[in-house]
Amino acid sequence: MKKFAINKEVFEKEIELCKKLSKENKGKCGWGKCKDCGVLLLLRKLYKGELIEDKDEIKKIKNDILKI
């Protein structure tokens, strides 16, 4: 999997946007409920080149980022 399809600045900016919207809108945004969303994982895949499929790992990543 190719790393750095997006640069660090874009990755961090988009992660912060997800965190902000999740906090302001009580766990959801225009894309849906944060706990069910794949945007964080897509951003991680595009930046770090990681494809994460394990459900427990996905939940942990979302919890760590969004503090769900």
N, C-alpha and C. Protein backbone atom coordinates (compact mmCIF):
# COMPACT_ATOMS: atom_id res chain seq x y z
N MET A 1 0.84 -1.17 0.00
CA MET A 1 0.00 0.00 0.00
C MET A 1 0.90 1.25 0.00
N LYS A 2 0.58 2.19 -0.81
CA LYS A 2 1.37 3.41 -0.95
C LYS A 2 1.14 4.35 0.23
N LYS A 3 2.23 4.84 0.80
CA LYS A 3 2.15 5.84 1.87
C LYS A 3 2.14 7.24 1.27
N PHE A 4 1.62 8.15 2.03
CA PHE A 4 1.67 9.58 1.74
C PHE A 4 0.93 9.99 0.46
N ALA A 5 -0.22 9.35 0.22
CA ALA A 5 -1.08 9.80 -0.87
C ALA A 5 -1.63 11.19 -0.54
N ILE A 6 -1.70 11.49 0.76
CA ILE A 6 -1.99 12.85 1.22
C ILE A 6 -0.83 13.23 2.15
N ASN A 7 -0.56 14.52 2.25
CA ASN A 7 0.56 14.94 3.09
C ASN A 7 0.13 15.07 4.55
N LYS A 8 1.11 15.22 5.41
CA LYS A 8 0.86 15.29 6.86
C LYS A 8 -0.05 16.44 7.23
N GLU A 9 0.13 17.57 6.59
CA GLU A 9 -0.68 18.75 6.89
C GLU A 9 -2.16 18.49 6.61
N VAL A 10 -2.46 17.90 5.48
CA VAL A 10 -3.85 17.58 5.12
C VAL A 10 -4.40 16.54 6.08
N PHE A 11 -3.62 15.50 6.36
CA PHE A 11 -4.04 14.45 7.28
C PHE A 11 -4.43 15.05 8.64
N GLU A 12 -3.55 15.83 9.22
CA GLU A 12 -3.80 16.40 10.54
C GLU A 12 -4.98 17.38 10.52
N LYS A 13 -5.09 18.17 9.46
CA LYS A 13 -6.20 19.12 9.34
C LYS A 13 -7.54 18.39 9.29
N GLU A 14 -7.62 17.33 8.52
CA GLU A 14 -8.87 16.58 8.39
C GLU A 14 -9.22 15.82 9.66
N ILE A 15 -8.21 15.30 10.35
CA ILE A 15 -8.45 14.62 11.63
C ILE A 15 -9.01 15.62 12.64
N GLU A 16 -8.41 16.81 12.69
CA GLU A 16 -8.89 17.85 13.61
C GLU A 16 -10.32 18.27 13.27
N LEU A 17 -10.64 18.33 12.00
CA LEU A 17 -12.00 18.67 11.59
C LEU A 17 -12.98 17.61 12.08
N CYS A 18 -12.63 16.34 11.93
CA CYS A 18 -13.48 15.26 12.43
C CYS A 18 -13.69 15.38 13.94
N LYS A 19 -12.61 15.63 14.67
CA LYS A 19 -12.70 15.76 16.11
C LYS A 19 -13.61 16.93 16.51
N LYS A 20 -13.44 18.04 15.82
CA LYS A 20 -14.22 19.24 16.13
C LYS A 20 -15.71 19.01 15.85
N LEU A 21 -16.02 18.47 14.69
CA LEU A 21 -17.42 18.24 14.34
C LEU A 21 -18.07 17.20 15.24
N SER A 22 -17.31 16.16 15.58
CA SER A 22 -17.85 15.14 16.47
C SER A 22 -18.19 15.73 17.83
N LYS A 23 -17.31 16.57 18.33
CA LYS A 23 -17.53 17.19 19.64
C LYS A 23 -18.71 18.16 19.59
N GLU A 24 -18.74 19.01 18.57
CA GLU A 24 -19.80 20.02 18.45
C GLU A 24 -21.17 19.41 18.21
N ASN A 25 -21.22 18.28 17.51
CA ASN A 25 -22.49 17.69 17.10
C ASN A 25 -22.80 16.38 17.81
N LYS A 26 -22.18 16.19 18.96
CA LYS A 26 -22.45 15.03 19.81
C LYS A 26 -22.32 13.71 19.06
N GLY A 27 -21.16 13.52 18.39
CA GLY A 27 -20.85 12.24 17.78
C GLY A 27 -21.36 12.04 16.38
N LYS A 28 -21.68 13.13 15.68
CA LYS A 28 -22.09 12.97 14.29
C LYS A 28 -21.80 14.23 13.49
N CYS A 29 -21.80 14.07 12.20
CA CYS A 29 -21.64 15.22 11.30
C CYS A 29 -22.48 14.95 10.05
N GLY A 30 -22.28 15.70 9.01
CA GLY A 30 -23.05 15.54 7.79
C GLY A 30 -22.86 14.18 7.13
N TRP A 31 -21.80 13.47 7.47
CA TRP A 31 -21.53 12.15 6.89
C TRP A 31 -22.24 11.05 7.66
N GLY A 32 -22.67 11.32 8.88
CA GLY A 32 -23.34 10.32 9.70
C GLY A 32 -22.78 10.26 11.10
N LYS A 33 -22.97 9.11 11.76
CA LYS A 33 -22.50 8.92 13.13
C LYS A 33 -21.02 8.56 13.10
N CYS A 34 -20.24 9.24 13.93
CA CYS A 34 -18.79 9.04 13.97
C CYS A 34 -18.41 7.60 14.29
N LYS A 35 -19.15 6.95 15.15
CA LYS A 35 -18.80 5.58 15.53
C LYS A 35 -18.94 4.61 14.36
N ASP A 36 -19.73 4.97 13.35
CA ASP A 36 -19.93 4.11 12.19
C ASP A 36 -19.17 4.59 10.95
N CYS A 37 -18.51 5.72 11.06
CA CYS A 37 -17.88 6.38 9.92
C CYS A 37 -16.53 5.75 9.56
N GLY A 38 -16.19 5.79 8.28
CA GLY A 38 -14.92 5.27 7.81
C GLY A 38 -13.93 6.34 7.42
N VAL A 39 -14.27 7.61 7.61
CA VAL A 39 -13.39 8.69 7.18
C VAL A 39 -12.04 8.65 7.90
N LEU A 40 -12.04 8.44 9.19
CA LEU A 40 -10.77 8.39 9.94
C LEU A 40 -9.86 7.29 9.41
N LEU A 41 -10.46 6.15 9.12
CA LEU A 41 -9.67 5.03 8.60
C LEU A 41 -9.19 5.28 7.19
N LEU A 42 -10.00 5.95 6.39
CA LEU A 42 -9.59 6.30 5.03
C LEU A 42 -8.43 7.30 5.08
N LEU A 43 -8.52 8.29 5.93
CA LEU A 43 -7.44 9.26 6.07
C LEU A 43 -6.15 8.56 6.50
N ARG A 44 -6.26 7.66 7.44
CA ARG A 44 -5.08 6.91 7.90
C ARG A 44 -4.50 6.05 6.77
N LYS A 45 -5.36 5.44 6.01
CA LYS A 45 -4.91 4.63 4.87
C LYS A 45 -4.17 5.50 3.85
N LEU A 46 -4.72 6.66 3.54
CA LEU A 46 -4.10 7.54 2.55
C LEU A 46 -2.79 8.13 3.04
N TYR A 47 -2.69 8.39 4.33
CA TYR A 47 -1.47 9.00 4.85
C TYR A 47 -0.42 7.96 5.24
N LYS A 48 -0.83 6.96 6.00
CA LYS A 48 0.13 5.99 6.53
C LYS A 48 0.25 4.72 5.69
N GLY A 49 -0.65 4.54 4.74
CA GLY A 49 -0.62 3.35 3.91
C GLY A 49 -1.07 2.10 4.65
N GLU A 50 -1.87 2.26 5.70
CA GLU A 50 -2.33 1.14 6.51
C GLU A 50 -3.79 0.82 6.19
N LEU A 51 -4.05 -0.45 5.96
CA LEU A 51 -5.42 -0.91 5.80
C LEU A 51 -5.77 -1.69 7.06
N ILE A 52 -6.72 -1.19 7.80
CA ILE A 52 -7.09 -1.79 9.08
C ILE A 52 -8.46 -2.41 8.93
N GLU A 53 -8.54 -3.70 9.22
CA GLU A 53 -9.81 -4.42 9.07
C GLU A 53 -10.30 -5.06 10.36
N ASP A 54 -9.44 -5.18 11.35
CA ASP A 54 -9.82 -5.79 12.62
C ASP A 54 -10.80 -4.87 13.36
N LYS A 55 -11.97 -5.39 13.70
CA LYS A 55 -13.01 -4.57 14.32
C LYS A 55 -12.57 -3.94 15.64
N ASP A 56 -11.84 -4.69 16.45
CA ASP A 56 -11.38 -4.15 17.74
C ASP A 56 -10.36 -3.04 17.53
N GLU A 57 -9.48 -3.20 16.56
CA GLU A 57 -8.49 -2.17 16.27
C GLU A 57 -9.16 -0.91 15.71
N ILE A 58 -10.16 -1.10 14.87
CA ILE A 58 -10.92 0.03 14.31
C ILE A 58 -11.58 0.82 15.43
N LYS A 59 -12.23 0.10 16.34
CA LYS A 59 -12.91 0.76 17.46
C LYS A 59 -11.92 1.53 18.32
N LYS A 60 -10.74 0.93 18.59
CA LYS A 60 -9.73 1.58 19.40
C LYS A 60 -9.21 2.86 18.74
N ILE A 61 -8.97 2.80 17.44
CA ILE A 61 -8.48 3.97 16.71
C ILE A 61 -9.50 5.10 16.78
N LYS A 62 -10.75 4.78 16.52
CA LYS A 62 -11.80 5.81 16.57
C LYS A 62 -11.93 6.39 17.98
N ASN A 63 -11.90 5.52 18.97
CA ASN A 63 -12.01 5.97 20.37
C ASN A 63 -10.84 6.88 20.73
N ASP A 64 -9.63 6.47 20.33
CA ASP A 64 -8.43 7.26 20.64
C ASP A 64 -8.49 8.64 20.00
N ILE A 65 -8.95 8.71 18.78
CA ILE A 65 -8.98 9.99 18.07
C ILE A 65 -10.14 10.86 18.53
N LEU A 66 -11.32 10.28 18.61
CA LEU A 66 -12.52 11.08 18.90
C LEU A 66 -12.90 11.11 20.37
N LYS A 67 -12.27 10.28 21.16
CA LYS A 67 -12.58 10.19 22.60
C LYS A 67 -14.05 9.85 22.78
N ILE A 68 -14.51 8.85 22.03
CA ILE A 68 -15.93 8.41 22.08
C ILE A 68 -16.18 7.70 23.39
